[in-house]
Amino acid sequence: MKSKTKATRKPARSAKPAAKKSAPKLDIRTLVIGKRYPEHGGVYSGIVKGLGKQTDRAIFRPTGKSADAIKGAWGPESNLEAAQDRLNGLENTRAMAKAGSEIARAALRLKVGRFADYYIASSREARIVATNEEGIYDDWRWTSTQHRDSTDDALVQTFGLGCQYFLLKSLSRAVVLVRSVPIR
């Protein structure tokens, strides 16, 4: 009599690629302004409220040398209507880079740890950082927002006084770098 044994097969390996490791889910109830969160790419600076159908976003700024790494002229002294948004720094920075701005290109290339989605803050994003973290920088810093009434000027933010002003785009300044995380 022949013994019947079941042959065991090893399960076939899945051809699916390994899932990318993503940042931990953002719980804004636990975030503290001014505290460093490496898992989110920097120091938490506050919330930017979206307008209309735009999503609210948490703003993080890089620390250390990367926070001061980018300095230069704002960019072309031509009218960049696509860089006049006071809320969306990422789109402003992309418009600046497309028009030839070296500081915008450097911001979009910046990688800190595993994050490579930094950009120059819009005027509203920079104001939120300055309001919530007063005095973190001691100079006027570029935002990505061009002045609406002057093609020669863009908005700058001071962190000592907390106010905004406009300067000639040809002047050299450091930038306010941030990254944002949608709040769902």
Protein backbone atom coordinates (compact mmCIF):
# COMPACT_ATOMS: atom_id res chain seq x y z
CA MET A 1 0.00 0.00 0.00
CA LYS A 2 1.33 3.35 -1.01
CA SER A 3 1.32 6.10 1.56
CA LYS A 4 -0.34 9.27 0.46
CA THR A 5 1.48 12.35 1.59
CA LYS A 6 0.50 15.80 0.63
CA ALA A 7 3.19 17.81 -1.00
CA THR A 8 3.54 21.20 0.61
CA ARG A 9 4.19 24.14 -1.59
CA LYS A 10 5.80 27.34 -0.56
CA PRO A 11 3.57 30.30 -1.32
CA ALA A 12 4.60 32.21 -4.40
CA ARG A 13 6.43 35.43 -3.71
CA SER A 14 4.45 38.53 -4.41
CA ALA A 15 5.70 40.68 -7.24
CA LYS A 16 4.46 43.80 -5.46
CA PRO A 17 7.16 46.35 -4.68
CA ALA A 18 7.81 47.20 -1.07
CA ALA A 19 5.69 50.06 0.15
CA LYS A 20 7.44 53.37 0.66
CA LYS A 21 7.93 54.33 4.26
CA SER A 22 5.83 57.43 4.86
CA ALA A 23 5.90 59.99 7.64
CA PRO A 24 3.82 59.15 10.69
CA LYS A 25 0.26 60.38 10.57
CA LEU A 26 0.00 64.00 11.63
CA ASP A 27 -2.03 64.59 14.78
CA ILE A 28 -2.15 68.37 15.23
CA ARG A 29 -3.60 68.01 18.73
CA THR A 30 -0.22 66.77 19.95
CA LEU A 31 2.01 69.29 18.16
CA VAL A 32 3.71 72.06 20.14
CA ILE A 33 4.74 75.27 18.38
CA GLY A 34 8.51 75.70 18.40
CA LYS A 35 9.18 72.01 19.06
CA ARG A 36 11.34 70.00 16.65
CA TYR A 37 9.65 67.04 14.95
CA PRO A 38 12.26 65.16 12.86
CA GLU A 39 9.56 62.77 11.62
CA HIS A 40 7.87 65.76 9.96
CA GLY A 41 10.99 67.54 8.74
CA GLY A 42 11.57 70.36 11.20
CA VAL A 43 10.18 72.66 13.85
CA TYR A 44 6.41 73.01 13.96
CA SER A 45 5.49 76.64 13.30
CA GLY A 46 1.69 76.64 13.04
CA ILE A 47 -1.28 76.08 10.76
CA VAL A 48 -2.06 77.78 7.47
CA LYS A 49 -5.81 77.83 6.93
CA GLY A 50 -6.80 76.95 3.40
CA LEU A 51 -9.15 79.23 1.49
CA GLY A 52 -12.25 77.81 -0.15
CA LYS A 53 -11.55 74.19 -1.07
CA GLN A 54 -7.86 74.38 -0.13
CA THR A 55 -6.70 72.04 2.61
CA ASP A 56 -5.40 73.40 5.91
CA ARG A 57 -1.67 72.70 6.30
CA ALA A 58 0.77 72.36 9.18
CA ILE A 59 4.00 74.31 8.58
CA PHE A 60 7.44 72.99 9.54
CA ARG A 61 10.73 74.83 9.09
CA PRO A 62 14.15 73.20 8.81
CA THR A 63 16.74 73.81 11.52
CA GLY A 64 20.50 74.16 11.67
CA LYS A 65 22.64 75.03 8.68
CA SER A 66 19.88 74.19 6.21
CA ALA A 67 17.70 77.00 7.61
CA ASP A 68 20.33 79.56 6.59
CA ALA A 69 21.77 77.80 3.56
CA ILE A 70 19.98 79.73 0.85
CA LYS A 71 20.77 83.40 0.27
CA GLY A 72 20.65 85.61 -2.77
CA ALA A 73 18.62 87.92 -4.93
CA TRP A 74 14.91 87.12 -5.15
CA GLY A 75 15.02 86.69 -8.87
CA PRO A 76 13.97 88.22 -12.14
CA GLU A 77 12.82 91.81 -11.97
CA SER A 78 9.96 91.05 -14.30
CA ASN A 79 6.32 90.64 -13.41
CA LEU A 80 5.69 87.13 -12.08
CA GLU A 81 1.94 87.06 -11.59
CA ALA A 82 2.22 83.36 -10.72
CA ALA A 83 4.32 84.34 -7.67
CA GLN A 84 1.89 86.82 -6.12
CA ASP A 85 -0.05 84.32 -4.01
CA ARG A 86 0.06 85.25 -0.34
CA LEU A 87 -0.94 81.74 0.75
CA ASN A 88 0.75 79.19 -1.52
CA GLY A 89 4.52 79.40 -1.19
CA LEU A 90 5.13 76.17 -3.07
CA GLU A 91 3.46 77.45 -6.24
CA ASN A 92 5.21 80.82 -5.88
CA THR A 93 8.58 79.08 -5.51
CA ARG A 94 7.92 76.94 -8.58
CA ALA A 95 7.03 80.06 -10.60
CA MET A 96 10.19 81.80 -9.38
CA ALA A 97 12.34 78.78 -10.33
CA LYS A 98 10.75 78.57 -13.77
CA ALA A 99 11.57 82.26 -14.30
CA GLY A 100 15.22 81.67 -13.37
CA SER A 101 15.43 82.45 -9.64
CA GLU A 102 18.51 80.77 -8.18
CA ILE A 103 17.20 80.90 -4.60
CA ALA A 104 13.96 79.22 -5.67
CA ARG A 105 15.84 76.49 -7.53
CA ALA A 106 18.06 75.93 -4.50
CA ALA A 107 15.02 75.71 -2.20
CA LEU A 108 13.32 73.14 -4.41
CA ARG A 109 16.55 71.07 -4.54
CA LEU A 110 17.12 71.18 -0.78
CA LYS A 111 17.07 67.84 1.00
CA VAL A 112 17.13 67.62 4.78
CA GLY A 113 17.12 64.06 6.08
CA ARG A 114 14.56 62.17 4.02
CA PHE A 115 12.59 65.28 3.09
CA ALA A 116 13.03 67.08 -0.24
CA ASP A 117 9.85 69.15 -0.38
CA TYR A 118 10.98 72.46 1.11
CA TYR A 119 10.11 75.76 -0.52
CA ILE A 120 10.23 79.50 0.16
CA ALA A 121 7.34 80.50 2.40
CA SER A 122 4.59 82.74 1.04
CA SER A 123 3.99 86.01 2.87
CA ARG A 124 1.21 84.45 4.98
CA GLU A 125 3.25 81.34 5.79
CA ALA A 126 6.23 83.52 6.79
CA ARG A 127 3.97 85.69 8.97
CA ILE A 128 2.70 82.59 10.79
CA VAL A 129 6.28 81.46 11.46
CA ALA A 130 7.26 84.95 12.67
CA THR A 131 4.17 85.34 14.86
CA ASN A 132 4.52 81.96 16.52
CA GLU A 133 8.32 81.88 16.76
CA GLU A 134 9.28 85.49 17.27
CA GLY A 135 13.00 86.25 17.15
CA ILE A 136 14.25 83.00 15.57
CA TYR A 137 16.10 85.00 12.92
CA ASP A 138 17.67 88.43 13.30
CA ASP A 139 17.32 89.67 9.75
CA TRP A 140 14.81 90.40 7.00
CA ARG A 141 14.13 87.25 4.94
CA TRP A 142 12.62 86.75 1.53
CA THR A 143 9.17 85.30 1.13
CA SER A 144 8.12 83.87 -2.23
CA THR A 145 5.45 86.54 -2.72
CA GLN A 146 6.08 89.26 -5.30
CA HIS A 147 4.67 92.69 -4.49
CA ARG A 148 1.37 93.06 -6.39
CA ASP A 149 1.94 96.69 -7.33
CA SER A 150 5.63 96.62 -8.24
CA THR A 151 7.41 94.15 -10.49
CA ASP A 152 10.74 95.24 -8.97
CA ASP A 153 9.83 94.27 -5.38
CA ALA A 154 9.04 91.19 -3.32
CA LEU A 155 7.89 90.84 0.29
CA VAL A 156 10.29 90.25 3.17
CA GLN A 157 9.58 89.18 6.75
CA THR A 158 11.35 90.29 9.90
CA PHE A 159 11.33 88.05 12.94
CA GLY A 160 12.32 90.62 15.55
CA LEU A 161 9.55 93.13 14.87
CA GLY A 162 7.23 90.63 13.18
CA CYS A 163 6.36 92.91 10.28
CA GLN A 164 6.53 92.59 6.51
CA TYR A 165 7.83 95.04 3.99
CA PHE A 166 8.97 94.98 0.37
CA LEU A 167 12.49 95.20 -1.03
CA LEU A 168 14.07 95.34 -4.45
CA LYS A 169 14.33 91.81 -5.85
CA SER A 170 17.96 92.45 -6.76
CA LEU A 171 19.06 92.62 -3.10
CA SER A 172 20.62 89.59 -1.43
CA ARG A 173 18.73 88.10 1.54
CA ALA A 174 18.26 84.74 3.21
CA VAL A 175 14.92 83.01 2.66
CA VAL A 176 12.22 81.65 4.97
CA LEU A 177 12.23 77.91 4.21
CA VAL A 178 9.28 75.68 5.09
CA ARG A 179 7.56 72.46 4.18
CA SER A 180 3.88 71.85 4.70
CA VAL A 181 1.85 68.79 5.61
CA PRO A 182 -1.87 68.63 4.77
CA ILE A 183 -4.18 68.29 7.76
CA ARG A 184 -6.94 65.85 7.06
